Amino acid sequence: MDANKPKLFLHACCAPCITYPYIELFPYYTVSVYFYNPNIHPAAEYDMRLKNMRELAYKWKFDLIVASYDVNRWFQAIEGLEDCQEGGERCVECYRLRLQKTAEAAKKRGFDLFATTLTVSPLKDAEVINSIGQKIQKRIGINYLESDFKKKDGFKKSCEISRQQDLYRQNYCGCIYSKRERKD
């Protein structure tokens, strides 16, 4: 650990989404990756993504913190929004829940700032995610690192790295509702 680098607590939803952001952030921060994703269903999918994340953490030698699989909390957070389209209010509540938990955990563990890899996806609105992060920053009292990792071909690069690393790449965001909407 480089004592001169700020300590960043980086939320990640899966191994493919951590690849490009981690490479971009590692030179400037001491990065610990946080896996908090109670939205991922079914449990077998969650287990597959977590297994893949643990394998990448071992291979790349990064610190991985895994939170509990708190599915009931997620269903409470999105209650009434089950029929929203992908990218709508259900997703906003899902981002809010995961970023809130990330900020709380980062502050409790003494990190300098928190961030998320969610902005690497072309299906996720970085402005919305960053706005949520900024509000949580003010409420919790820990700095949020804004990002839009899909810029500069970030998503494309994450796909290439994932193939090179032979990572499992899912075909839906994670929740049962996004799985229902996916077109195969």
Protein backbone atom coordinates (compact mmCIF):
# COMPACT_ATOMS: atom_id res chain seq x y z
CA MET A 1 0.00 0.00 0.00
CA ASP A 2 1.31 3.43 -0.99
CA ALA A 3 0.75 5.79 1.96
CA ASN A 4 0.91 8.78 -0.43
CA LYS A 5 -2.10 7.66 -2.46
CA PRO A 6 -5.66 8.40 -1.31
CA LYS A 7 -7.59 5.29 -0.27
CA LEU A 8 -10.49 4.59 -2.64
CA PHE A 9 -13.39 2.26 -1.83
CA LEU A 10 -14.65 1.14 -5.24
CA HIS A 11 -18.05 -0.51 -5.60
CA ALA A 12 -18.13 -3.13 -8.36
CA CYS A 13 -21.02 -5.19 -9.67
CA CYS A 14 -18.96 -7.85 -11.47
CA ALA A 15 -15.45 -8.76 -12.55
CA PRO A 16 -15.79 -7.53 -16.16
CA CYS A 17 -16.94 -4.10 -14.97
CA ILE A 18 -13.99 -3.71 -12.58
CA THR A 19 -11.30 -4.34 -15.20
CA TYR A 20 -10.98 -1.04 -17.04
CA PRO A 21 -11.86 1.22 -14.07
CA TYR A 22 -9.36 -0.57 -11.84
CA ILE A 23 -6.58 -0.16 -14.40
CA GLU A 24 -7.44 3.54 -14.74
CA LEU A 25 -7.60 4.21 -10.99
CA PHE A 26 -4.78 2.03 -9.64
CA PRO A 27 -1.95 4.47 -10.52
CA TYR A 28 -3.59 7.27 -8.51
CA TYR A 29 -5.32 5.51 -5.62
CA THR A 30 -4.93 2.62 -3.23
CA VAL A 31 -8.02 0.76 -4.39
CA SER A 32 -10.12 -1.68 -2.39
CA VAL A 33 -13.00 -3.26 -4.26
CA TYR A 34 -16.40 -3.59 -2.60
CA PHE A 35 -18.88 -6.21 -3.79
CA TYR A 36 -22.36 -5.22 -2.62
CA ASN A 37 -25.01 -6.34 -5.07
CA PRO A 38 -28.25 -7.57 -3.48
CA ASN A 39 -29.96 -6.85 -6.81
CA ILE A 40 -28.39 -9.84 -8.57
CA HIS A 41 -30.78 -12.73 -9.15
CA PRO A 42 -31.08 -15.62 -9.07
CA ALA A 43 -28.71 -16.66 -6.27
CA ALA A 44 -26.80 -18.89 -8.70
CA GLU A 45 -26.05 -15.80 -10.83
CA TYR A 46 -24.89 -13.92 -7.74
CA ASP A 47 -22.62 -16.82 -6.78
CA MET A 48 -21.14 -16.97 -10.29
CA ARG A 49 -20.37 -13.24 -10.32
CA LEU A 50 -18.87 -13.35 -6.84
CA LYS A 51 -16.74 -16.40 -7.70
CA ASN A 52 -15.47 -14.61 -10.81
CA MET A 53 -14.72 -11.46 -8.76
CA ARG A 54 -12.78 -13.47 -6.17
CA GLU A 55 -10.74 -15.14 -8.90
CA LEU A 56 -9.86 -11.78 -10.45
CA ALA A 57 -9.00 -10.29 -7.05
CA TYR A 58 -6.64 -13.19 -6.42
CA LYS A 59 -5.09 -12.94 -9.88
CA TRP A 60 -4.70 -9.13 -9.87
CA LYS A 61 -3.94 -9.01 -6.13
CA PHE A 62 -6.48 -6.40 -5.10
CA ASP A 63 -8.26 -6.16 -1.79
CA LEU A 64 -11.85 -7.41 -2.09
CA ILE A 65 -14.48 -6.75 0.56
CA VAL A 66 -17.72 -8.69 0.16
CA ALA A 67 -20.89 -7.42 1.84
CA SER A 68 -23.82 -9.63 2.74
CA TYR A 69 -26.25 -10.68 0.04
CA ASP A 70 -29.10 -8.59 1.41
CA VAL A 71 -31.88 -9.39 -1.08
CA ASN A 72 -34.72 -8.37 1.23
CA ARG A 73 -33.29 -4.87 1.57
CA TRP A 74 -33.10 -4.59 -2.23
CA PHE A 75 -36.70 -5.72 -2.73
CA GLN A 76 -37.82 -3.18 -0.11
CA ALA A 77 -35.90 -0.41 -1.89
CA ILE A 78 -37.51 -1.07 -5.27
CA GLU A 79 -40.99 -1.93 -3.99
CA GLY A 80 -43.62 -0.51 -6.33
CA LEU A 81 -41.08 -0.06 -9.14
CA GLU A 82 -41.04 -3.64 -10.40
CA ASP A 83 -42.69 -2.73 -13.72
CA CYS A 84 -40.35 0.19 -14.54
CA GLN A 85 -38.27 -0.18 -17.67
CA GLU A 86 -34.55 -0.85 -17.48
CA GLY A 87 -32.78 2.44 -16.77
CA GLY A 88 -35.83 3.96 -15.07
CA GLU A 89 -36.69 4.73 -11.46
CA ARG A 90 -36.15 1.13 -10.30
CA CYS A 91 -32.54 1.36 -11.43
CA VAL A 92 -32.12 4.77 -9.77
CA GLU A 93 -33.27 3.28 -6.45
CA CYS A 94 -30.94 0.32 -6.96
CA TYR A 95 -27.97 2.66 -7.58
CA ARG A 96 -28.94 4.72 -4.53
CA LEU A 97 -29.07 1.66 -2.28
CA ARG A 98 -25.71 0.32 -3.41
CA LEU A 99 -23.93 3.68 -3.34
CA GLN A 100 -25.34 4.48 0.11
CA LYS A 101 -24.08 1.16 1.50
CA THR A 102 -20.71 1.71 -0.22
CA ALA A 103 -20.32 5.19 1.29
CA GLU A 104 -21.25 3.96 4.76
CA ALA A 105 -18.80 1.08 4.56
CA ALA A 106 -16.05 3.33 3.18
CA LYS A 107 -16.45 5.85 5.97
CA LYS A 108 -16.57 3.14 8.64
CA ARG A 109 -13.34 1.64 7.29
CA GLY A 110 -11.50 4.98 7.12
CA PHE A 111 -11.29 5.43 3.35
CA ASP A 112 -10.73 8.84 1.78
CA LEU A 113 -13.36 8.48 -0.93
CA PHE A 114 -15.74 6.10 -2.64
CA ALA A 115 -16.74 5.43 -6.25
CA THR A 116 -18.49 2.88 -8.44
CA THR A 117 -17.78 1.01 -11.64
CA LEU A 118 -21.44 1.24 -12.70
CA THR A 119 -20.61 4.09 -15.10
CA VAL A 120 -18.64 1.76 -17.38
CA SER A 121 -21.90 0.35 -18.76
CA PRO A 122 -23.38 2.01 -21.85
CA LEU A 123 -26.81 1.18 -20.36
CA LYS A 124 -26.26 3.30 -17.25
CA ASP A 125 -26.49 7.08 -17.08
CA ALA A 126 -23.30 8.44 -15.49
CA GLU A 127 -24.96 11.80 -14.74
CA VAL A 128 -27.66 10.09 -12.70
CA ILE A 129 -25.16 7.89 -10.86
CA ASN A 130 -22.81 10.81 -10.15
CA SER A 131 -25.70 12.95 -8.90
CA ILE A 132 -26.64 10.22 -6.44
CA GLY A 133 -23.01 9.91 -5.37
CA GLN A 134 -22.73 13.65 -4.76
CA LYS A 135 -25.87 13.69 -2.60
CA ILE A 136 -24.64 10.73 -0.57
CA GLN A 137 -21.24 12.43 -0.19
CA LYS A 138 -22.92 15.40 1.50
CA ARG A 139 -25.14 13.26 3.69
CA ILE A 140 -22.50 10.73 4.83
CA GLY A 141 -19.48 13.05 4.87
CA ILE A 142 -17.10 11.11 2.64
CA ASN A 143 -15.89 12.27 -0.77
CA TYR A 144 -17.33 10.72 -3.92
CA LEU A 145 -15.17 10.30 -7.03
CA GLU A 146 -17.25 11.14 -10.10
CA SER A 147 -16.66 9.01 -13.17
CA ASP A 148 -17.86 8.06 -16.59
CA PHE A 149 -15.74 5.01 -17.31
CA LYS A 150 -17.48 4.30 -20.62
CA LYS A 151 -15.72 7.35 -22.11
CA LYS A 152 -12.51 6.78 -24.09
CA ASP A 153 -13.90 3.37 -25.16
CA GLY A 154 -13.94 2.20 -21.53
CA PHE A 155 -16.74 -0.29 -22.09
CA LYS A 156 -15.05 -1.68 -25.20
CA LYS A 157 -11.76 -1.96 -23.30
CA SER A 158 -13.47 -3.71 -20.39
CA CYS A 159 -14.91 -6.25 -22.85
CA GLU A 160 -11.48 -6.84 -24.40
CA ILE A 161 -9.80 -7.27 -21.02
CA SER A 162 -12.59 -9.61 -19.92
CA ARG A 163 -12.00 -11.82 -22.95
CA GLN A 164 -8.24 -11.81 -22.34
CA GLN A 165 -8.78 -12.72 -18.69
CA ASP A 166 -11.43 -15.33 -19.60
CA LEU A 167 -13.99 -13.70 -17.30
CA TYR A 168 -17.63 -14.70 -17.13
CA ARG A 169 -19.66 -11.93 -18.79
CA GLN A 170 -23.36 -11.93 -18.00
CA ASN A 171 -25.99 -10.86 -20.52
CA TYR A 172 -28.19 -8.79 -18.17
CA CYS A 173 -27.64 -6.17 -15.49
CA GLY A 174 -28.46 -8.45 -12.61
CA CYS A 175 -31.98 -8.13 -11.25
CA ILE A 176 -34.83 -10.43 -12.16
CA TYR A 177 -36.56 -7.54 -13.93
CA SER A 178 -33.61 -6.77 -16.20
CA LYS A 179 -33.34 -10.49 -16.94
CA ARG A 180 -37.03 -10.52 -17.89
CA GLU A 181 -36.46 -7.58 -20.30
CA ARG A 182 -33.34 -8.95 -21.96
CA LYS A 183 -33.62 -9.98 -25.57
CA ASP A 184 -31.63 -13.09 -26.45
